[in-house]
Amino acid sequence: MTTKVKQVIQSQQVVLSSRPEGKPTSANFKISSEEITPIAEGEFLVKNQWMSVDPYMRGRMKERDSYVPP
């Protein structure tokens, strides 16, 4: 008999919490934690090892229309 153990996985997220005025600082971001829903048959979980905030992202942090939705 095989018993499956349900494992609860917490995901940490870096979220833009306020729009920066000038140079972005750590105060403009927050780290939140969220429980990931169980992985279904045929799905897989990816672990992100690096995060990059590229110059392109600075424009996306502003409150204005863009050709791509946020």
N, C-alpha and C. Protein backbone atom coordinates (compact mmCIF):
# COMPACT_ATOMS: atom_id res chain seq x y z
N MET A 1 0.84 -1.17 0.00
CA MET A 1 0.00 0.00 0.00
C MET A 1 0.89 1.24 0.00
N THR A 2 0.58 2.17 -0.87
CA THR A 2 1.34 3.41 -0.97
C THR A 2 0.56 4.55 -0.35
N THR A 3 1.23 5.32 0.46
CA THR A 3 0.59 6.49 1.08
C THR A 3 1.24 7.74 0.52
N LYS A 4 0.41 8.65 0.02
CA LYS A 4 0.93 9.93 -0.47
C LYS A 4 0.87 10.94 0.66
N VAL A 5 1.95 11.68 0.82
CA VAL A 5 2.02 12.72 1.83
C VAL A 5 1.83 14.06 1.13
N LYS A 6 0.86 14.82 1.60
CA LYS A 6 0.62 16.15 1.03
C LYS A 6 1.60 17.12 1.66
N GLN A 7 2.44 17.71 0.83
CA GLN A 7 3.44 18.65 1.31
C GLN A 7 2.97 20.08 1.03
N VAL A 8 2.99 20.90 2.05
CA VAL A 8 2.63 22.31 1.89
C VAL A 8 3.89 23.07 1.50
N ILE A 9 3.81 23.80 0.40
CA ILE A 9 4.96 24.56 -0.09
C ILE A 9 4.64 26.04 -0.01
N GLN A 10 5.54 26.80 0.61
CA GLN A 10 5.39 28.25 0.71
C GLN A 10 6.25 28.91 -0.38
N SER A 11 5.67 29.85 -1.07
CA SER A 11 6.37 30.61 -2.10
C SER A 11 6.64 32.01 -1.58
N GLN A 12 7.87 32.47 -1.71
CA GLN A 12 8.19 33.85 -1.35
C GLN A 12 8.15 34.69 -2.61
N GLN A 13 7.54 35.87 -2.51
CA GLN A 13 7.38 36.76 -3.65
C GLN A 13 7.91 38.14 -3.30
N VAL A 14 8.60 38.75 -4.25
CA VAL A 14 9.02 40.14 -4.10
C VAL A 14 7.99 40.97 -4.87
N VAL A 15 7.30 41.88 -4.16
CA VAL A 15 6.18 42.62 -4.72
C VAL A 15 6.48 44.12 -4.65
N LEU A 16 6.14 44.83 -5.73
CA LEU A 16 6.25 46.28 -5.73
C LEU A 16 5.13 46.82 -4.85
N SER A 17 5.46 47.42 -3.72
CA SER A 17 4.44 47.88 -2.78
C SER A 17 4.11 49.36 -2.91
N SER A 18 5.02 50.12 -3.50
CA SER A 18 4.75 51.54 -3.75
C SER A 18 5.56 51.98 -4.96
N ARG A 19 5.03 52.96 -5.66
CA ARG A 19 5.73 53.46 -6.85
C ARG A 19 6.86 54.38 -6.40
N PRO A 20 8.08 54.11 -6.86
CA PRO A 20 9.22 54.93 -6.45
C PRO A 20 9.16 56.34 -7.02
N GLU A 21 9.61 57.27 -6.24
CA GLU A 21 9.82 58.64 -6.72
C GLU A 21 11.33 58.81 -6.72
N GLY A 22 11.91 58.83 -7.90
CA GLY A 22 13.37 58.83 -8.00
C GLY A 22 13.87 57.40 -8.02
N LYS A 23 15.03 57.19 -7.43
CA LYS A 23 15.66 55.87 -7.43
C LYS A 23 14.88 54.89 -6.55
N PRO A 24 14.56 53.68 -7.08
CA PRO A 24 13.86 52.68 -6.25
C PRO A 24 14.74 52.24 -5.07
N THR A 25 14.11 52.02 -3.93
CA THR A 25 14.81 51.53 -2.75
C THR A 25 14.07 50.30 -2.22
N SER A 26 14.64 49.66 -1.23
CA SER A 26 13.99 48.48 -0.65
C SER A 26 12.64 48.84 -0.03
N ALA A 27 12.43 50.10 0.33
CA ALA A 27 11.15 50.53 0.91
C ALA A 27 10.01 50.43 -0.10
N ASN A 28 10.32 50.37 -1.40
CA ASN A 28 9.30 50.27 -2.43
C ASN A 28 8.86 48.83 -2.68
N PHE A 29 9.47 47.89 -2.01
CA PHE A 29 9.16 46.47 -2.22
C PHE A 29 8.81 45.81 -0.90
N LYS A 30 8.09 44.70 -0.99
CA LYS A 30 7.84 43.89 0.20
C LYS A 30 7.99 42.43 -0.20
N ILE A 31 8.31 41.62 0.78
CA ILE A 31 8.39 40.18 0.55
C ILE A 31 7.17 39.56 1.20
N SER A 32 6.42 38.82 0.41
CA SER A 32 5.24 38.15 0.95
C SER A 32 5.39 36.65 0.74
N SER A 33 4.64 35.91 1.49
CA SER A 33 4.67 34.45 1.43
C SER A 33 3.28 33.95 1.11
N GLU A 34 3.20 32.97 0.23
CA GLU A 34 1.91 32.43 -0.17
C GLU A 34 2.01 30.92 -0.34
N GLU A 35 0.99 30.21 0.10
CA GLU A 35 0.97 28.76 -0.05
C GLU A 35 0.67 28.41 -1.50
N ILE A 36 1.46 27.52 -2.06
CA ILE A 36 1.26 27.07 -3.44
C ILE A 36 0.21 25.96 -3.44
N THR A 37 -0.70 26.02 -4.41
CA THR A 37 -1.71 24.97 -4.52
C THR A 37 -1.03 23.66 -4.90
N PRO A 38 -1.63 22.53 -4.53
CA PRO A 38 -1.01 21.24 -4.85
C PRO A 38 -0.73 21.10 -6.35
N ILE A 39 0.39 20.49 -6.67
CA ILE A 39 0.78 20.26 -8.06
C ILE A 39 -0.07 19.12 -8.62
N ALA A 40 -0.71 19.38 -9.75
CA ALA A 40 -1.59 18.38 -10.37
C ALA A 40 -0.77 17.47 -11.29
N GLU A 41 -1.37 16.37 -11.67
CA GLU A 41 -0.76 15.44 -12.61
C GLU A 41 -0.38 16.20 -13.89
N GLY A 42 0.85 16.03 -14.36
CA GLY A 42 1.30 16.69 -15.57
C GLY A 42 1.87 18.09 -15.34
N GLU A 43 1.80 18.60 -14.12
CA GLU A 43 2.36 19.91 -13.79
C GLU A 43 3.71 19.73 -13.11
N PHE A 44 4.48 20.79 -13.03
CA PHE A 44 5.75 20.74 -12.31
C PHE A 44 6.01 22.08 -11.65
N LEU A 45 6.86 22.08 -10.66
CA LEU A 45 7.20 23.28 -9.90
C LEU A 45 8.59 23.74 -10.31
N VAL A 46 8.74 25.03 -10.57
CA VAL A 46 10.02 25.61 -10.97
C VAL A 46 10.53 26.48 -9.83
N LYS A 47 11.79 26.34 -9.50
CA LYS A 47 12.41 27.17 -8.46
C LYS A 47 13.26 28.25 -9.13
N ASN A 48 12.96 29.50 -8.83
CA ASN A 48 13.72 30.62 -9.38
C ASN A 48 14.97 30.83 -8.52
N GLN A 49 16.13 30.87 -9.15
CA GLN A 49 17.37 31.05 -8.40
C GLN A 49 17.89 32.48 -8.46
N TRP A 50 17.52 33.23 -9.47
CA TRP A 50 17.99 34.61 -9.63
C TRP A 50 16.84 35.52 -10.01
N MET A 51 16.93 36.76 -9.57
CA MET A 51 15.96 37.77 -9.96
C MET A 51 16.75 38.99 -10.41
N SER A 52 16.32 39.59 -11.50
CA SER A 52 17.00 40.76 -12.03
C SER A 52 16.01 41.89 -12.19
N VAL A 53 16.39 43.06 -11.73
CA VAL A 53 15.58 44.25 -11.96
C VAL A 53 16.35 45.08 -12.99
N ASP A 54 15.98 44.90 -14.24
CA ASP A 54 16.66 45.54 -15.36
C ASP A 54 16.18 46.98 -15.56
N PRO A 55 16.95 47.80 -16.27
CA PRO A 55 16.52 49.18 -16.53
C PRO A 55 15.12 49.27 -17.14
N TYR A 56 14.74 48.30 -17.95
CA TYR A 56 13.40 48.27 -18.54
C TYR A 56 12.32 48.34 -17.45
N MET A 57 12.57 47.70 -16.32
CA MET A 57 11.57 47.63 -15.25
C MET A 57 11.28 48.99 -14.64
N ARG A 58 12.22 49.92 -14.72
CA ARG A 58 12.01 51.25 -14.13
C ARG A 58 10.80 51.92 -14.76
N GLY A 59 10.66 51.83 -16.07
CA GLY A 59 9.51 52.40 -16.75
C GLY A 59 8.21 51.72 -16.37
N ARG A 60 8.27 50.42 -16.08
CA ARG A 60 7.08 49.66 -15.70
C ARG A 60 6.61 50.01 -14.29
N MET A 61 7.47 50.60 -13.49
CA MET A 61 7.11 50.96 -12.12
C MET A 61 6.32 52.26 -12.06
N LYS A 62 6.26 52.98 -13.16
CA LYS A 62 5.55 54.26 -13.19
C LYS A 62 4.06 54.04 -13.45
N GLU A 63 3.25 54.92 -12.93
CA GLU A 63 1.80 54.87 -13.10
C GLU A 63 1.45 55.58 -14.41
N ARG A 64 1.52 54.83 -15.51
CA ARG A 64 1.15 55.39 -16.80
C ARG A 64 0.79 54.27 -17.76
N ASP A 65 0.10 54.62 -18.82
CA ASP A 65 -0.29 53.63 -19.82
C ASP A 65 0.94 53.08 -20.53
N SER A 66 0.81 51.84 -20.97
CA SER A 66 1.90 51.19 -21.67
C SER A 66 1.30 50.28 -22.74
N TYR A 67 2.12 49.87 -23.66
CA TYR A 67 1.65 48.96 -24.70
C TYR A 67 1.46 47.54 -24.18
N VAL A 68 1.97 47.25 -23.01
CA VAL A 68 1.82 45.93 -22.40
C VAL A 68 1.20 46.10 -21.02
N PRO A 69 0.14 45.36 -20.70
CA PRO A 69 -0.45 45.49 -19.36
C PRO A 69 0.53 45.01 -18.28
N PRO A 70 0.49 45.62 -17.09
CA PRO A 70 1.41 45.21 -16.02
C PRO A 70 1.13 43.79 -15.54
